[in-house]
Amino acid sequence: VKDILSANYKIHTLLKIDEGTNLGAVTIRLRSLQSVMERSLRRHHNPEAPEVVEEQLPTYDYNRVVFTEE
């Protein structure tokens, strides 16, 4: 099944979601799946695209306050 799907640029994914009240693991798995699907779509539409596309993060300036004993 995996070979057939990969030949057509499709992925085979099985998400195991345990019963319980902790939805944190479910959220992480779904975000990971979404990321892989988006990357797969980008590569399918542009096969020459690099494997990992880094997004530009905004610059972050942090002015640290120096501690004094006053």
N, C-alpha and C. Protein backbone atom coordinates (compact mmCIF):
# COMPACT_ATOMS: atom_id res chain seq x y z
N VAL A 1 0.84 -1.19 0.00
CA VAL A 1 0.00 0.00 0.00
C VAL A 1 0.88 1.25 0.00
N LYS A 2 1.94 1.23 0.82
CA LYS A 2 2.81 2.40 0.91
C LYS A 2 3.48 2.70 -0.43
N ASP A 3 3.93 1.67 -1.15
CA ASP A 3 4.58 1.87 -2.44
C ASP A 3 3.62 2.45 -3.47
N ILE A 4 2.40 1.96 -3.48
CA ILE A 4 1.40 2.47 -4.43
C ILE A 4 1.09 3.93 -4.14
N LEU A 5 0.91 4.25 -2.88
CA LEU A 5 0.60 5.63 -2.52
C LEU A 5 1.77 6.56 -2.81
N SER A 6 2.99 6.14 -2.47
CA SER A 6 4.14 7.02 -2.70
C SER A 6 4.40 7.23 -4.18
N ALA A 7 4.06 6.26 -5.02
CA ALA A 7 4.22 6.43 -6.46
C ALA A 7 3.30 7.52 -7.00
N ASN A 8 2.21 7.78 -6.30
CA ASN A 8 1.26 8.81 -6.70
C ASN A 8 1.33 10.04 -5.81
N TYR A 9 2.48 10.21 -5.13
CA TYR A 9 2.71 11.36 -4.25
C TYR A 9 1.68 11.45 -3.13
N LYS A 10 1.29 10.34 -2.61
CA LYS A 10 0.34 10.30 -1.49
C LYS A 10 1.04 9.67 -0.29
N ILE A 11 0.57 9.98 0.89
CA ILE A 11 1.16 9.39 2.08
C ILE A 11 0.13 8.52 2.79
N HIS A 12 0.62 7.50 3.43
CA HIS A 12 -0.24 6.61 4.21
C HIS A 12 0.06 6.88 5.67
N THR A 13 -0.94 7.33 6.38
CA THR A 13 -0.74 7.69 7.77
C THR A 13 -1.84 7.08 8.62
N LEU A 14 -1.43 6.53 9.72
CA LEU A 14 -2.36 5.99 10.69
C LEU A 14 -2.13 6.73 11.99
N LEU A 15 -3.16 7.40 12.47
CA LEU A 15 -3.05 8.10 13.73
C LEU A 15 -3.70 7.27 14.82
N LYS A 16 -2.92 6.97 15.83
CA LYS A 16 -3.47 6.25 16.96
C LYS A 16 -3.79 7.26 18.05
N ILE A 17 -5.06 7.37 18.34
CA ILE A 17 -5.51 8.32 19.35
C ILE A 17 -6.07 7.53 20.51
N ASP A 18 -5.38 7.62 21.63
CA ASP A 18 -5.80 6.90 22.82
C ASP A 18 -6.99 7.59 23.47
N GLU A 19 -7.80 6.79 24.11
CA GLU A 19 -8.91 7.38 24.85
C GLU A 19 -8.36 8.02 26.11
N GLY A 20 -8.88 9.14 26.43
CA GLY A 20 -8.42 9.83 27.63
C GLY A 20 -8.77 11.29 27.55
N THR A 21 -8.37 12.01 28.57
CA THR A 21 -8.70 13.42 28.63
C THR A 21 -7.57 14.31 28.13
N ASN A 22 -6.38 13.75 27.93
CA ASN A 22 -5.25 14.54 27.49
C ASN A 22 -5.27 14.69 25.97
N LEU A 23 -5.60 15.88 25.51
CA LEU A 23 -5.67 16.13 24.07
C LEU A 23 -4.37 16.72 23.53
N GLY A 24 -3.38 16.91 24.39
CA GLY A 24 -2.11 17.48 23.95
C GLY A 24 -1.42 16.62 22.92
N ALA A 25 -1.38 15.31 23.15
CA ALA A 25 -0.72 14.39 22.22
C ALA A 25 -1.47 14.36 20.89
N VAL A 26 -2.77 14.44 20.93
CA VAL A 26 -3.57 14.46 19.70
C VAL A 26 -3.25 15.71 18.90
N THR A 27 -3.16 16.84 19.56
CA THR A 27 -2.85 18.09 18.89
C THR A 27 -1.49 18.03 18.22
N ILE A 28 -0.50 17.49 18.91
CA ILE A 28 0.84 17.38 18.35
C ILE A 28 0.83 16.48 17.12
N ARG A 29 0.15 15.36 17.19
CA ARG A 29 0.10 14.44 16.05
C ARG A 29 -0.59 15.06 14.86
N LEU A 30 -1.67 15.79 15.10
CA LEU A 30 -2.39 16.42 13.99
C LEU A 30 -1.57 17.54 13.36
N ARG A 31 -0.87 18.32 14.18
CA ARG A 31 -0.01 19.37 13.63
C ARG A 31 1.12 18.78 12.81
N SER A 32 1.68 17.69 13.29
CA SER A 32 2.75 17.02 12.56
C SER A 32 2.24 16.50 11.22
N LEU A 33 1.07 15.89 11.22
CA LEU A 33 0.48 15.39 9.98
C LEU A 33 0.21 16.53 9.01
N GLN A 34 -0.31 17.63 9.52
CA GLN A 34 -0.58 18.79 8.67
C GLN A 34 0.71 19.32 8.05
N SER A 35 1.77 19.37 8.82
CA SER A 35 3.05 19.85 8.31
C SER A 35 3.58 18.96 7.20
N VAL A 36 3.50 17.65 7.39
CA VAL A 36 3.97 16.71 6.37
C VAL A 36 3.13 16.83 5.11
N MET A 37 1.83 16.99 5.26
CA MET A 37 0.96 17.12 4.09
C MET A 37 1.27 18.39 3.31
N GLU A 38 1.50 19.50 4.02
CA GLU A 38 1.82 20.75 3.34
C GLU A 38 3.16 20.64 2.61
N ARG A 39 4.15 20.03 3.24
CA ARG A 39 5.45 19.84 2.60
C ARG A 39 5.32 18.96 1.36
N SER A 40 4.51 17.92 1.47
CA SER A 40 4.30 17.02 0.33
C SER A 40 3.64 17.75 -0.83
N LEU A 41 2.67 18.60 -0.53
CA LEU A 41 2.00 19.37 -1.58
C LEU A 41 2.97 20.34 -2.25
N ARG A 42 3.83 20.99 -1.45
CA ARG A 42 4.80 21.91 -2.03
C ARG A 42 5.76 21.17 -2.96
N ARG A 43 6.23 20.00 -2.54
CA ARG A 43 7.17 19.24 -3.36
C ARG A 43 6.49 18.68 -4.60
N HIS A 44 5.23 18.33 -4.49
CA HIS A 44 4.50 17.79 -5.64
C HIS A 44 4.31 18.87 -6.71
N HIS A 45 4.02 20.09 -6.26
CA HIS A 45 3.80 21.18 -7.21
C HIS A 45 5.12 21.75 -7.73
N ASN A 46 6.20 21.59 -6.96
CA ASN A 46 7.50 22.09 -7.37
C ASN A 46 8.55 21.05 -6.99
N PRO A 47 8.81 20.05 -7.86
CA PRO A 47 9.72 18.97 -7.52
C PRO A 47 11.15 19.42 -7.26
N GLU A 48 11.53 20.60 -7.73
CA GLU A 48 12.89 21.07 -7.52
C GLU A 48 13.02 21.86 -6.22
N ALA A 49 11.97 21.96 -5.46
CA ALA A 49 12.01 22.69 -4.20
C ALA A 49 12.88 21.95 -3.20
N PRO A 50 13.56 22.68 -2.32
CA PRO A 50 14.38 22.00 -1.31
C PRO A 50 13.50 21.19 -0.36
N GLU A 51 14.10 20.19 0.26
CA GLU A 51 13.36 19.29 1.15
C GLU A 51 12.76 20.05 2.33
N VAL A 52 13.54 20.92 2.93
CA VAL A 52 13.07 21.67 4.09
C VAL A 52 13.04 23.14 3.72
N VAL A 53 11.89 23.74 3.87
CA VAL A 53 11.74 25.16 3.59
C VAL A 53 11.59 25.87 4.92
N GLU A 54 12.59 26.69 5.23
CA GLU A 54 12.53 27.40 6.50
C GLU A 54 11.75 28.69 6.30
N GLU A 55 10.85 28.92 7.21
CA GLU A 55 10.06 30.13 7.15
C GLU A 55 10.84 31.26 7.80
N GLN A 56 10.66 32.46 7.28
CA GLN A 56 11.32 33.61 7.86
C GLN A 56 10.61 33.99 9.14
N LEU A 57 11.34 34.00 10.22
CA LEU A 57 10.78 34.41 11.50
C LEU A 57 11.04 35.89 11.69
N PRO A 58 10.12 36.60 12.32
CA PRO A 58 10.36 38.02 12.56
C PRO A 58 11.53 38.20 13.53
N THR A 59 12.24 39.30 13.36
CA THR A 59 13.34 39.56 14.27
C THR A 59 12.78 39.88 15.64
N TYR A 60 13.53 39.50 16.63
CA TYR A 60 13.07 39.67 18.00
C TYR A 60 14.15 40.40 18.77
N ASP A 61 13.84 41.60 19.23
CA ASP A 61 14.77 42.37 20.04
C ASP A 61 14.31 42.32 21.48
N TYR A 62 15.23 41.96 22.33
CA TYR A 62 14.92 41.88 23.75
C TYR A 62 15.91 42.74 24.50
N ASN A 63 15.42 43.78 25.12
CA ASN A 63 16.27 44.65 25.92
C ASN A 63 16.22 44.17 27.36
N ARG A 64 17.29 43.56 27.77
CA ARG A 64 17.36 42.97 29.11
C ARG A 64 17.60 44.05 30.15
N VAL A 65 16.84 44.00 31.23
CA VAL A 65 17.01 44.93 32.33
C VAL A 65 18.07 44.35 33.26
N VAL A 66 19.09 45.16 33.54
CA VAL A 66 20.18 44.71 34.40
C VAL A 66 19.74 44.87 35.84
N PHE A 67 19.92 43.81 36.63
CA PHE A 67 19.54 43.83 38.04
C PHE A 67 20.57 44.61 38.84
N THR A 68 20.08 45.53 39.66
CA THR A 68 20.94 46.26 40.59
C THR A 68 20.34 46.14 41.97
N GLU A 69 21.13 46.33 42.98
CA GLU A 69 20.64 46.18 44.36
C GLU A 69 20.12 47.48 44.93
N GLU A 70 19.76 48.43 44.15
CA GLU A 70 19.24 49.70 44.65
C GLU A 70 17.85 49.58 45.18
